[in-house]
Amino acid sequence: MSKTNVADELVQSPSTFYYSAAFDAASVADAETKGADVTVAGVALGDIVLGVSLAVDVVDLTLDAQVTAANTVTVTLNNNTNGTVDLASATLRLLVLNVSAIHV
């Protein structure tokens, strides 16, 4: 039986960035998407946001994040609840995979 997709070299474990800070989304109206740029030193285009969370219930809003520039992650909240949602200020946490740290 032949093997496929086997790397010729050992892939080093990539590094991750962990970010945590206070975040205030304020009021998000129905059908509105709010975005905020967050500075995360060292992230680069192509890096992958593995996780994003707020330390409060997001009340059925969708929470997303992506690396949009060097040292910048854009966090977005989308409201499809048929009403305005005002989240309390809370701790934002991001976990980002540094893809450029993978050496093959």
N, C-alpha and C. Protein backbone atom coordinates (compact mmCIF):
# COMPACT_ATOMS: atom_id res chain seq x y z
N MET A 1 0.85 -1.16 0.00
CA MET A 1 0.00 0.00 0.00
C MET A 1 0.90 1.23 0.00
N SER A 2 0.66 2.15 -0.91
CA SER A 2 1.49 3.35 -0.99
C SER A 2 0.89 4.46 -0.12
N LYS A 3 1.78 5.28 0.38
CA LYS A 3 1.36 6.42 1.20
C LYS A 3 1.36 7.67 0.34
N THR A 4 0.41 8.54 0.57
CA THR A 4 0.35 9.81 -0.15
C THR A 4 0.39 10.96 0.84
N ASN A 5 0.77 12.12 0.35
CA ASN A 5 0.79 13.35 1.15
C ASN A 5 1.66 13.24 2.39
N VAL A 6 2.79 12.59 2.26
CA VAL A 6 3.73 12.48 3.37
C VAL A 6 4.84 13.50 3.13
N ALA A 7 5.06 14.35 4.12
CA ALA A 7 6.08 15.40 3.98
C ALA A 7 7.47 14.78 4.01
N ASP A 8 8.37 15.35 3.23
CA ASP A 8 9.75 14.88 3.21
C ASP A 8 10.53 15.38 4.41
N GLU A 9 10.08 16.44 5.02
CA GLU A 9 10.77 17.04 6.17
C GLU A 9 9.80 17.15 7.33
N LEU A 10 10.35 17.24 8.50
CA LEU A 10 9.55 17.43 9.70
C LEU A 10 9.00 18.85 9.73
N VAL A 11 7.72 19.00 10.00
CA VAL A 11 7.10 20.31 10.11
C VAL A 11 7.19 20.75 11.57
N GLN A 12 7.82 21.87 11.79
CA GLN A 12 7.95 22.37 13.16
C GLN A 12 6.59 22.85 13.65
N SER A 13 6.40 22.78 14.94
CA SER A 13 5.16 23.26 15.53
C SER A 13 5.07 24.77 15.36
N PRO A 14 3.98 25.25 14.78
CA PRO A 14 3.83 26.70 14.58
C PRO A 14 3.55 27.40 15.90
N SER A 15 3.86 28.66 15.94
CA SER A 15 3.59 29.42 17.15
C SER A 15 2.20 30.04 17.06
N THR A 16 1.69 30.40 18.19
CA THR A 16 0.39 31.06 18.25
C THR A 16 0.52 32.37 19.01
N PHE A 17 -0.39 33.27 18.71
CA PHE A 17 -0.48 34.53 19.44
C PHE A 17 -1.74 34.47 20.29
N TYR A 18 -1.64 34.87 21.53
CA TYR A 18 -2.80 34.97 22.40
C TYR A 18 -2.95 36.44 22.76
N TYR A 19 -4.15 36.97 22.60
CA TYR A 19 -4.42 38.38 22.88
C TYR A 19 -5.62 38.46 23.80
N SER A 20 -5.54 39.33 24.78
CA SER A 20 -6.65 39.54 25.70
C SER A 20 -6.67 41.00 26.12
N ALA A 21 -7.85 41.62 26.02
CA ALA A 21 -7.98 43.03 26.41
C ALA A 21 -9.46 43.37 26.58
N ALA A 22 -9.71 44.50 27.22
CA ALA A 22 -11.08 44.98 27.36
C ALA A 22 -11.61 45.36 25.98
N PHE A 23 -12.90 45.08 25.76
CA PHE A 23 -13.54 45.36 24.46
C PHE A 23 -14.95 45.84 24.72
N ASP A 24 -15.33 46.96 24.13
CA ASP A 24 -16.68 47.50 24.28
C ASP A 24 -17.32 47.62 22.90
N ALA A 25 -18.25 46.74 22.61
CA ALA A 25 -18.91 46.74 21.30
C ALA A 25 -20.00 47.79 21.21
N ALA A 26 -20.44 48.30 22.35
CA ALA A 26 -21.53 49.27 22.41
C ALA A 26 -22.80 48.66 21.83
N SER A 27 -23.64 49.47 21.24
CA SER A 27 -24.93 49.03 20.73
C SER A 27 -24.82 48.57 19.28
N VAL A 28 -25.43 47.41 18.98
CA VAL A 28 -25.44 46.88 17.62
C VAL A 28 -26.90 46.75 17.19
N ALA A 29 -27.31 47.56 16.21
CA ALA A 29 -28.70 47.56 15.74
C ALA A 29 -28.99 46.30 14.93
N ASP A 30 -30.28 45.97 14.77
CA ASP A 30 -30.69 44.84 13.96
C ASP A 30 -30.16 45.00 12.53
N ALA A 31 -29.68 43.92 11.95
CA ALA A 31 -29.14 43.86 10.59
C ALA A 31 -27.86 44.68 10.43
N GLU A 32 -27.23 45.04 11.53
CA GLU A 32 -25.99 45.81 11.48
C GLU A 32 -24.79 44.91 11.75
N THR A 33 -23.69 45.22 11.09
CA THR A 33 -22.42 44.57 11.36
C THR A 33 -21.46 45.64 11.84
N LYS A 34 -20.86 45.42 13.00
CA LYS A 34 -19.87 46.35 13.54
C LYS A 34 -18.51 45.69 13.53
N GLY A 35 -17.52 46.43 13.10
CA GLY A 35 -16.16 45.92 13.09
C GLY A 35 -15.25 46.81 13.91
N ALA A 36 -14.22 46.20 14.46
CA ALA A 36 -13.22 46.95 15.23
C ALA A 36 -11.86 46.34 14.95
N ASP A 37 -10.89 47.18 14.66
CA ASP A 37 -9.53 46.70 14.46
C ASP A 37 -8.82 46.62 15.80
N VAL A 38 -8.14 45.50 16.01
CA VAL A 38 -7.41 45.25 17.25
C VAL A 38 -5.95 45.03 16.88
N THR A 39 -5.05 45.73 17.56
CA THR A 39 -3.63 45.56 17.30
C THR A 39 -3.12 44.33 18.03
N VAL A 40 -2.58 43.39 17.27
CA VAL A 40 -1.97 42.18 17.82
C VAL A 40 -0.57 42.10 17.22
N ALA A 41 0.41 42.53 17.97
CA ALA A 41 1.79 42.60 17.47
C ALA A 41 2.27 41.25 16.98
N GLY A 42 2.79 41.24 15.74
CA GLY A 42 3.39 40.04 15.20
C GLY A 42 2.54 39.27 14.23
N VAL A 43 1.21 39.49 14.22
CA VAL A 43 0.38 38.75 13.26
C VAL A 43 0.62 39.31 11.86
N ALA A 44 0.41 38.46 10.85
CA ALA A 44 0.64 38.86 9.46
C ALA A 44 -0.46 38.29 8.59
N LEU A 45 -0.66 38.92 7.43
CA LEU A 45 -1.63 38.38 6.48
C LEU A 45 -1.30 36.93 6.20
N GLY A 46 -2.31 36.09 6.18
CA GLY A 46 -2.12 34.66 6.00
C GLY A 46 -2.21 33.89 7.31
N ASP A 47 -1.99 34.58 8.45
CA ASP A 47 -2.17 33.92 9.74
C ASP A 47 -3.66 33.64 9.94
N ILE A 48 -3.97 32.66 10.77
CA ILE A 48 -5.34 32.18 10.92
C ILE A 48 -5.84 32.42 12.34
N VAL A 49 -6.98 33.08 12.47
CA VAL A 49 -7.61 33.24 13.77
C VAL A 49 -8.31 31.92 14.10
N LEU A 50 -7.79 31.23 15.11
CA LEU A 50 -8.36 29.94 15.51
C LEU A 50 -9.56 30.10 16.41
N GLY A 51 -9.57 31.18 17.19
CA GLY A 51 -10.67 31.39 18.11
C GLY A 51 -10.81 32.83 18.53
N VAL A 52 -12.05 33.22 18.77
CA VAL A 52 -12.35 34.56 19.28
C VAL A 52 -13.50 34.40 20.27
N SER A 53 -13.40 35.09 21.40
CA SER A 53 -14.48 35.01 22.38
C SER A 53 -14.59 36.31 23.17
N LEU A 54 -15.77 36.53 23.70
CA LEU A 54 -16.02 37.64 24.62
C LEU A 54 -16.47 37.02 25.94
N ALA A 55 -16.11 37.67 27.02
CA ALA A 55 -16.44 37.14 28.35
C ALA A 55 -17.85 37.52 28.79
N VAL A 56 -18.74 37.72 27.82
CA VAL A 56 -20.16 37.93 28.09
C VAL A 56 -20.96 37.15 27.06
N ASP A 57 -22.23 36.90 27.37
CA ASP A 57 -23.12 36.27 26.41
C ASP A 57 -23.31 37.23 25.23
N VAL A 58 -23.09 36.76 24.01
CA VAL A 58 -23.22 37.62 22.85
C VAL A 58 -24.66 37.69 22.33
N VAL A 59 -25.59 37.14 23.07
CA VAL A 59 -27.03 37.29 22.82
C VAL A 59 -27.40 37.01 21.36
N ASP A 60 -26.97 35.89 20.84
CA ASP A 60 -27.26 35.46 19.47
C ASP A 60 -26.62 36.31 18.37
N LEU A 61 -25.71 37.21 18.71
CA LEU A 61 -24.93 37.89 17.69
C LEU A 61 -23.88 36.90 17.19
N THR A 62 -23.41 37.08 15.97
CA THR A 62 -22.29 36.27 15.51
C THR A 62 -21.01 37.07 15.71
N LEU A 63 -20.01 36.42 16.22
CA LEU A 63 -18.72 37.03 16.52
C LEU A 63 -17.68 36.36 15.64
N ASP A 64 -16.90 37.17 14.93
CA ASP A 64 -15.92 36.64 14.00
C ASP A 64 -14.66 37.50 14.08
N ALA A 65 -13.54 36.94 13.62
CA ALA A 65 -12.29 37.70 13.59
C ALA A 65 -11.41 37.15 12.49
N GLN A 66 -10.63 38.05 11.88
CA GLN A 66 -9.66 37.64 10.87
C GLN A 66 -8.52 38.63 10.82
N VAL A 67 -7.35 38.13 10.42
CA VAL A 67 -6.18 38.99 10.25
C VAL A 67 -6.41 39.77 8.95
N THR A 68 -6.38 41.10 9.05
CA THR A 68 -6.65 41.93 7.87
C THR A 68 -5.45 42.76 7.43
N ALA A 69 -4.40 42.79 8.24
CA ALA A 69 -3.18 43.52 7.90
C ALA A 69 -2.10 43.10 8.90
N ALA A 70 -0.87 43.50 8.64
CA ALA A 70 0.21 43.24 9.59
C ALA A 70 -0.16 43.87 10.93
N ASN A 71 -0.05 43.09 11.99
CA ASN A 71 -0.32 43.53 13.37
C ASN A 71 -1.78 43.90 13.63
N THR A 72 -2.70 43.49 12.74
CA THR A 72 -4.11 43.88 12.89
C THR A 72 -5.05 42.70 12.70
N VAL A 73 -5.95 42.53 13.69
CA VAL A 73 -7.05 41.58 13.58
C VAL A 73 -8.34 42.39 13.62
N THR A 74 -9.23 42.14 12.67
CA THR A 74 -10.53 42.82 12.66
C THR A 74 -11.56 41.89 13.28
N VAL A 75 -12.23 42.39 14.33
CA VAL A 75 -13.27 41.65 15.03
C VAL A 75 -14.61 42.21 14.57
N THR A 76 -15.54 41.32 14.19
CA THR A 76 -16.85 41.78 13.74
C THR A 76 -17.97 41.11 14.53
N LEU A 77 -19.00 41.90 14.77
CA LEU A 77 -20.23 41.42 15.39
C LEU A 77 -21.36 41.67 14.39
N ASN A 78 -22.17 40.65 14.15
CA ASN A 78 -23.29 40.76 13.22
C ASN A 78 -24.58 40.47 13.98
N ASN A 79 -25.55 41.37 13.83
CA ASN A 79 -26.81 41.25 14.56
C ASN A 79 -27.95 40.89 13.61
N ASN A 80 -28.49 39.70 13.78
CA ASN A 80 -29.68 39.26 13.03
C ASN A 80 -30.78 38.83 13.99
N THR A 81 -30.92 39.57 15.09
CA THR A 81 -31.86 39.17 16.15
C THR A 81 -33.21 39.86 16.08
N ASN A 82 -33.42 40.76 15.13
CA ASN A 82 -34.65 41.55 15.03
C ASN A 82 -34.78 42.59 16.14
N GLY A 83 -33.67 42.96 16.75
CA GLY A 83 -33.68 44.00 17.77
C GLY A 83 -32.27 44.50 18.04
N THR A 84 -32.18 45.63 18.69
CA THR A 84 -30.87 46.19 19.04
C THR A 84 -30.31 45.44 20.25
N VAL A 85 -29.02 45.16 20.21
CA VAL A 85 -28.34 44.47 21.32
C VAL A 85 -27.22 45.38 21.81
N ASP A 86 -27.17 45.58 23.11
CA ASP A 86 -26.11 46.40 23.72
C ASP A 86 -25.33 45.51 24.69
N LEU A 87 -24.16 45.07 24.23
CA LEU A 87 -23.33 44.20 25.07
C LEU A 87 -22.54 45.03 26.08
N ALA A 88 -22.35 44.46 27.24
CA ALA A 88 -21.51 45.10 28.25
C ALA A 88 -20.05 45.01 27.82
N SER A 89 -19.24 45.93 28.29
CA SER A 89 -17.80 45.84 28.05
C SER A 89 -17.30 44.54 28.67
N ALA A 90 -16.43 43.86 27.95
CA ALA A 90 -15.98 42.55 28.42
C ALA A 90 -14.57 42.27 27.90
N THR A 91 -13.99 41.19 28.37
CA THR A 91 -12.67 40.78 27.90
C THR A 91 -12.81 40.07 26.56
N LEU A 92 -12.04 40.55 25.58
CA LEU A 92 -11.95 39.92 24.27
C LEU A 92 -10.72 39.02 24.29
N ARG A 93 -10.87 37.81 23.77
CA ARG A 93 -9.74 36.89 23.67
C ARG A 93 -9.61 36.41 22.23
N LEU A 94 -8.38 36.41 21.73
CA LEU A 94 -8.08 35.92 20.39
C LEU A 94 -6.96 34.90 20.46
N LEU A 95 -7.06 33.87 19.64
CA LEU A 95 -5.99 32.90 19.48
C LEU A 95 -5.68 32.83 17.99
N VAL A 96 -4.44 33.18 17.61
CA VAL A 96 -4.08 33.28 16.20
C VAL A 96 -2.91 32.35 15.91
N LEU A 97 -3.05 31.54 14.87
CA LEU A 97 -2.00 30.64 14.41
C LEU A 97 -1.06 31.41 13.49
N ASN A 98 0.22 31.43 13.85
CA ASN A 98 1.23 32.13 13.05
C ASN A 98 1.73 31.18 11.96
N VAL A 99 1.07 31.24 10.80
CA VAL A 99 1.38 30.34 9.71
C VAL A 99 2.81 30.53 9.19
N SER A 100 3.30 31.75 9.23
CA SER A 100 4.67 32.00 8.73
C SER A 100 5.72 31.31 9.58
N ALA A 101 5.35 30.84 10.77
CA ALA A 101 6.30 30.16 11.64
C ALA A 101 6.44 28.68 11.28
N ILE A 102 5.61 28.20 10.34
CA ILE A 102 5.70 26.81 9.91
C ILE A 102 6.80 26.68 8.88
N HIS A 103 7.79 25.85 9.15
CA HIS A 103 8.89 25.64 8.23
C HIS A 103 8.86 24.21 7.72
N VAL A 104 8.82 24.06 6.43
CA VAL A 104 8.77 22.72 5.83
C VAL A 104 10.06 22.46 5.12
